[in-house]
Amino acid sequence: MAKKTEKIRDDSDYLELKGFLSFLILHELSLKRLCGDELSNNIGKRKGSSLTPGTIYPALKRLRKKKLIAYRRQGRKKVYTLTEIGREELERLYMLFSNYFYGLKHKIKRKPVKKKGGKRKP
């Protein structure tokens, strides 16, 4: 009799990404100026599901109030950038993450992302 194969879950009830949202926004903005939709898409790709406007925009507003990010209007869109204060805070966050996750590098491996059509990226 063949064994029943269990589907491997790609999520967990024990990993709360809510606290990572601000970090991920700052990180993404350190790479490139982005509007809210682009930030939402980039972070959603990492998470494996899209972020809702009710998630991303309140976080952007909080970061703006703390002067970690700023924006300029380009037409109807707001294009966000990292401020100097935001850059300094991101460096602190990188250090904290490095300390928190030190020694886990050999356990954390990134899985290839599936392309449409079932093929995997190398």
C-alpha atoms as a PDB file:
ATOM      1  CA  MET A   1       0.000   0.000   0.000  1.00  0.00           C
ATOM      2  CA  ALA A   2       1.426   3.381  -1.051  1.00  0.00           C
ATOM      3  CA  LYS A   3       2.072   6.029   1.554  1.00  0.00           C
ATOM      4  CA  LYS A   4      -0.129   9.085   1.423  1.00  0.00           C
ATOM      5  CA  THR A   5       2.046  12.099   0.651  1.00  0.00           C
ATOM      6  CA  GLU A   6       1.439  15.144   2.793  1.00  0.00           C
ATOM      7  CA  LYS A   7       1.335  18.533   1.176  1.00  0.00           C
ATOM      8  CA  ILE A   8       4.129  20.721   2.533  1.00  0.00           C
ATOM      9  CA  ARG A   9       2.762  24.017   3.808  1.00  0.00           C
ATOM     10  CA  ASP A  10       4.494  27.228   2.789  1.00  0.00           C
ATOM     11  CA  ASP A  11       3.156  29.224   5.737  1.00  0.00           C
ATOM     12  CA  SER A  12       3.031  28.937   9.499  1.00  0.00           C
ATOM     13  CA  ASP A  13       0.762  30.055  12.291  1.00  0.00           C
ATOM     14  CA  TYR A  14       3.898  30.848  14.305  1.00  0.00           C
ATOM     15  CA  LEU A  15       5.660  33.328  12.030  1.00  0.00           C
ATOM     16  CA  GLU A  16       4.138  36.761  12.430  1.00  0.00           C
ATOM     17  CA  LEU A  17       5.397  39.078   9.706  1.00  0.00           C
ATOM     18  CA  LYS A  18       3.533  42.106  11.001  1.00  0.00           C
ATOM     19  CA  GLY A  19       6.630  43.435  12.778  1.00  0.00           C
ATOM     20  CA  PHE A  20       8.731  42.963   9.666  1.00  0.00           C
ATOM     21  CA  LEU A  21       6.626  45.261   7.482  1.00  0.00           C
ATOM     22  CA  SER A  22       8.341  48.500   8.492  1.00  0.00           C
ATOM     23  CA  PHE A  23      11.740  46.863   8.097  1.00  0.00           C
ATOM     24  CA  LEU A  24      10.855  45.561   4.638  1.00  0.00           C
ATOM     25  CA  ILE A  25       9.529  48.964   3.546  1.00  0.00           C
ATOM     26  CA  LEU A  26      12.748  50.663   4.676  1.00  0.00           C
ATOM     27  CA  HIS A  27      14.842  47.976   2.995  1.00  0.00           C
ATOM     28  CA  GLU A  28      12.961  48.240  -0.321  1.00  0.00           C
ATOM     29  CA  LEU A  29      13.253  52.040  -0.275  1.00  0.00           C
ATOM     30  CA  SER A  30      16.992  51.774   0.340  1.00  0.00           C
ATOM     31  CA  LEU A  31      17.222  50.034  -3.032  1.00  0.00           C
ATOM     32  CA  LYS A  32      14.938  52.262  -5.089  1.00  0.00           C
ATOM     33  CA  ARG A  33      12.285  54.999  -4.894  1.00  0.00           C
ATOM     34  CA  LEU A  34       8.878  53.330  -5.053  1.00  0.00           C
ATOM     35  CA  CYS A  35       5.188  54.172  -4.929  1.00  0.00           C
ATOM     36  CA  GLY A  36       2.827  52.354  -2.543  1.00  0.00           C
ATOM     37  CA  ASP A  37       1.656  49.865  -5.170  1.00  0.00           C
ATOM     38  CA  GLU A  38       5.227  48.922  -6.075  1.00  0.00           C
ATOM     39  CA  LEU A  39       6.158  48.506  -2.408  1.00  0.00           C
ATOM     40  CA  SER A  40       3.088  46.358  -1.876  1.00  0.00           C
ATOM     41  CA  ASN A  41       3.966  44.161  -4.869  1.00  0.00           C
ATOM     42  CA  ASN A  42       7.645  43.786  -3.916  1.00  0.00           C
ATOM     43  CA  ILE A  43       6.876  42.873  -0.312  1.00  0.00           C
ATOM     44  CA  GLY A  44       3.971  40.690  -1.392  1.00  0.00           C
ATOM     45  CA  LYS A  45       6.320  38.649  -3.596  1.00  0.00           C
ATOM     46  CA  ARG A  46       8.504  37.935  -0.578  1.00  0.00           C
ATOM     47  CA  LYS A  47       5.496  37.027   1.532  1.00  0.00           C
ATOM     48  CA  GLY A  48       3.861  34.926  -1.163  1.00  0.00           C
ATOM     49  CA  SER A  49       0.623  36.917  -1.165  1.00  0.00           C
ATOM     50  CA  SER A  50      -0.375  40.464  -1.920  1.00  0.00           C
ATOM     51  CA  LEU A  51      -0.601  43.183   0.710  1.00  0.00           C
ATOM     52  CA  THR A  52      -3.839  45.096   1.017  1.00  0.00           C
ATOM     53  CA  PRO A  53      -3.985  48.901   0.935  1.00  0.00           C
ATOM     54  CA  GLY A  54      -5.170  48.682   4.560  1.00  0.00           C
ATOM     55  CA  THR A  55      -1.830  47.099   5.443  1.00  0.00           C
ATOM     56  CA  ILE A  56       0.722  49.077   3.427  1.00  0.00           C
ATOM     57  CA  TYR A  57      -0.630  52.638   3.619  1.00  0.00           C
ATOM     58  CA  PRO A  58      -1.009  52.874   7.418  1.00  0.00           C
ATOM     59  CA  ALA A  59       2.566  51.566   7.724  1.00  0.00           C
ATOM     60  CA  LEU A  60       3.787  54.202   5.245  1.00  0.00           C
ATOM     61  CA  LYS A  61       1.962  56.897   7.214  1.00  0.00           C
ATOM     62  CA  ARG A  62       3.589  55.747  10.499  1.00  0.00           C
ATOM     63  CA  LEU A  63       7.044  55.793   8.921  1.00  0.00           C
ATOM     64  CA  ARG A  64       6.401  59.252   7.455  1.00  0.00           C
ATOM     65  CA  LYS A  65       5.308  60.621  10.856  1.00  0.00           C
ATOM     66  CA  LYS A  66       8.545  59.306  12.353  1.00  0.00           C
ATOM     67  CA  LYS A  67      10.446  61.037   9.500  1.00  0.00           C
ATOM     68  CA  LEU A  68      11.977  57.763   8.306  1.00  0.00           C
ATOM     69  CA  ILE A  69      10.529  58.175   4.814  1.00  0.00           C
ATOM     70  CA  ALA A  70       9.290  61.049   2.676  1.00  0.00           C
ATOM     71  CA  TYR A  71       7.377  61.282  -0.572  1.00  0.00           C
ATOM     72  CA  ARG A  72       7.031  63.430  -3.662  1.00  0.00           C
ATOM     73  CA  ARG A  73       4.017  63.500  -5.883  1.00  0.00           C
ATOM     74  CA  GLN A  74       4.454  62.330  -9.448  1.00  0.00           C
ATOM     75  CA  GLY A  75       1.099  62.865 -11.055  1.00  0.00           C
ATOM     76  CA  ARG A  76      -1.431  61.061  -8.904  1.00  0.00           C
ATOM     77  CA  LYS A  77       1.165  58.808  -7.272  1.00  0.00           C
ATOM     78  CA  LYS A  78       3.276  59.379  -4.188  1.00  0.00           C
ATOM     79  CA  VAL A  79       6.819  58.154  -4.721  1.00  0.00           C
ATOM     80  CA  TYR A  80       8.483  57.299  -1.404  1.00  0.00           C
ATOM     81  CA  THR A  81      12.150  57.696  -0.508  1.00  0.00           C
ATOM     82  CA  LEU A  82      14.241  56.924   2.526  1.00  0.00           C
ATOM     83  CA  THR A  83      15.331  59.940   4.597  1.00  0.00           C
ATOM     84  CA  GLU A  84      18.720  60.204   6.280  1.00  0.00           C
ATOM     85  CA  ILE A  85      17.037  59.312   9.598  1.00  0.00           C
ATOM     86  CA  GLY A  86      15.457  56.315   7.850  1.00  0.00           C
ATOM     87  CA  ARG A  87      18.842  55.227   6.481  1.00  0.00           C
ATOM     88  CA  GLU A  88      20.360  55.385   9.977  1.00  0.00           C
ATOM     89  CA  GLU A  89      17.457  53.405  11.438  1.00  0.00           C
ATOM     90  CA  LEU A  90      17.746  50.786   8.702  1.00  0.00           C
ATOM     91  CA  GLU A  91      21.439  50.312   9.525  1.00  0.00           C
ATOM     92  CA  ARG A  92      20.436  49.727  13.176  1.00  0.00           C
ATOM     93  CA  LEU A  93      17.801  47.240  12.054  1.00  0.00           C
ATOM     94  CA  TYR A  94      20.307  45.347   9.896  1.00  0.00           C
ATOM     95  CA  MET A  95      22.577  45.082  12.941  1.00  0.00           C
ATOM     96  CA  LEU A  96      19.721  43.880  15.164  1.00  0.00           C
ATOM     97  CA  PHE A  97      18.589  41.294  12.618  1.00  0.00           C
ATOM     98  CA  SER A  98      22.153  40.123  12.242  1.00  0.00           C
ATOM     99  CA  ASN A  99      22.382  39.646  16.014  1.00  0.00           C
ATOM    100  CA  TYR A 100      18.976  37.956  16.306  1.00  0.00           C
ATOM    101  CA  PHE A 101      19.546  35.519  13.474  1.00  0.00           C
ATOM    102  CA  TYR A 102      23.299  34.939  13.899  1.00  0.00           C
ATOM    103  CA  GLY A 103      24.102  31.254  13.546  1.00  0.00           C
ATOM    104  CA  LEU A 104      20.960  30.427  11.565  1.00  0.00           C
ATOM    105  CA  LYS A 105      22.390  31.063   8.108  1.00  0.00           C
ATOM    106  CA  HIS A 106      22.952  27.352   7.481  1.00  0.00           C
ATOM    107  CA  LYS A 107      19.275  26.680   8.342  1.00  0.00           C
ATOM    108  CA  ILE A 108      17.772  29.470   6.223  1.00  0.00           C
ATOM    109  CA  LYS A 109      17.731  28.651   2.541  1.00  0.00           C
ATOM    110  CA  ARG A 110      15.704  30.409  -0.108  1.00  0.00           C
ATOM    111  CA  LYS A 111      13.495  28.219  -2.259  1.00  0.00           C
ATOM    112  CA  PRO A 112      13.397  28.924  -5.992  1.00  0.00           C
ATOM    113  CA  VAL A 113      10.314  30.864  -7.045  1.00  0.00           C
ATOM    114  CA  LYS A 114       7.958  29.000  -9.378  1.00  0.00           C
ATOM    115  CA  LYS A 115       7.459  30.582 -12.772  1.00  0.00           C
ATOM    116  CA  LYS A 116       4.088  30.465 -14.465  1.00  0.00           C
ATOM    117  CA  GLY A 117       3.816  27.195 -16.328  1.00  0.00           C
ATOM    118  CA  GLY A 118       5.290  25.149 -13.485  1.00  0.00           C
ATOM    119  CA  LYS A 119       8.977  25.679 -14.255  1.00  0.00           C
ATOM    120  CA  ARG A 120      11.289  26.864 -11.495  1.00  0.00           C
ATOM    121  CA  LYS A 121      13.864  29.654 -11.583  1.00  0.00           C
ATOM    122  CA  PRO A 122      17.373  28.424 -10.790  1.00  0.00           C
END
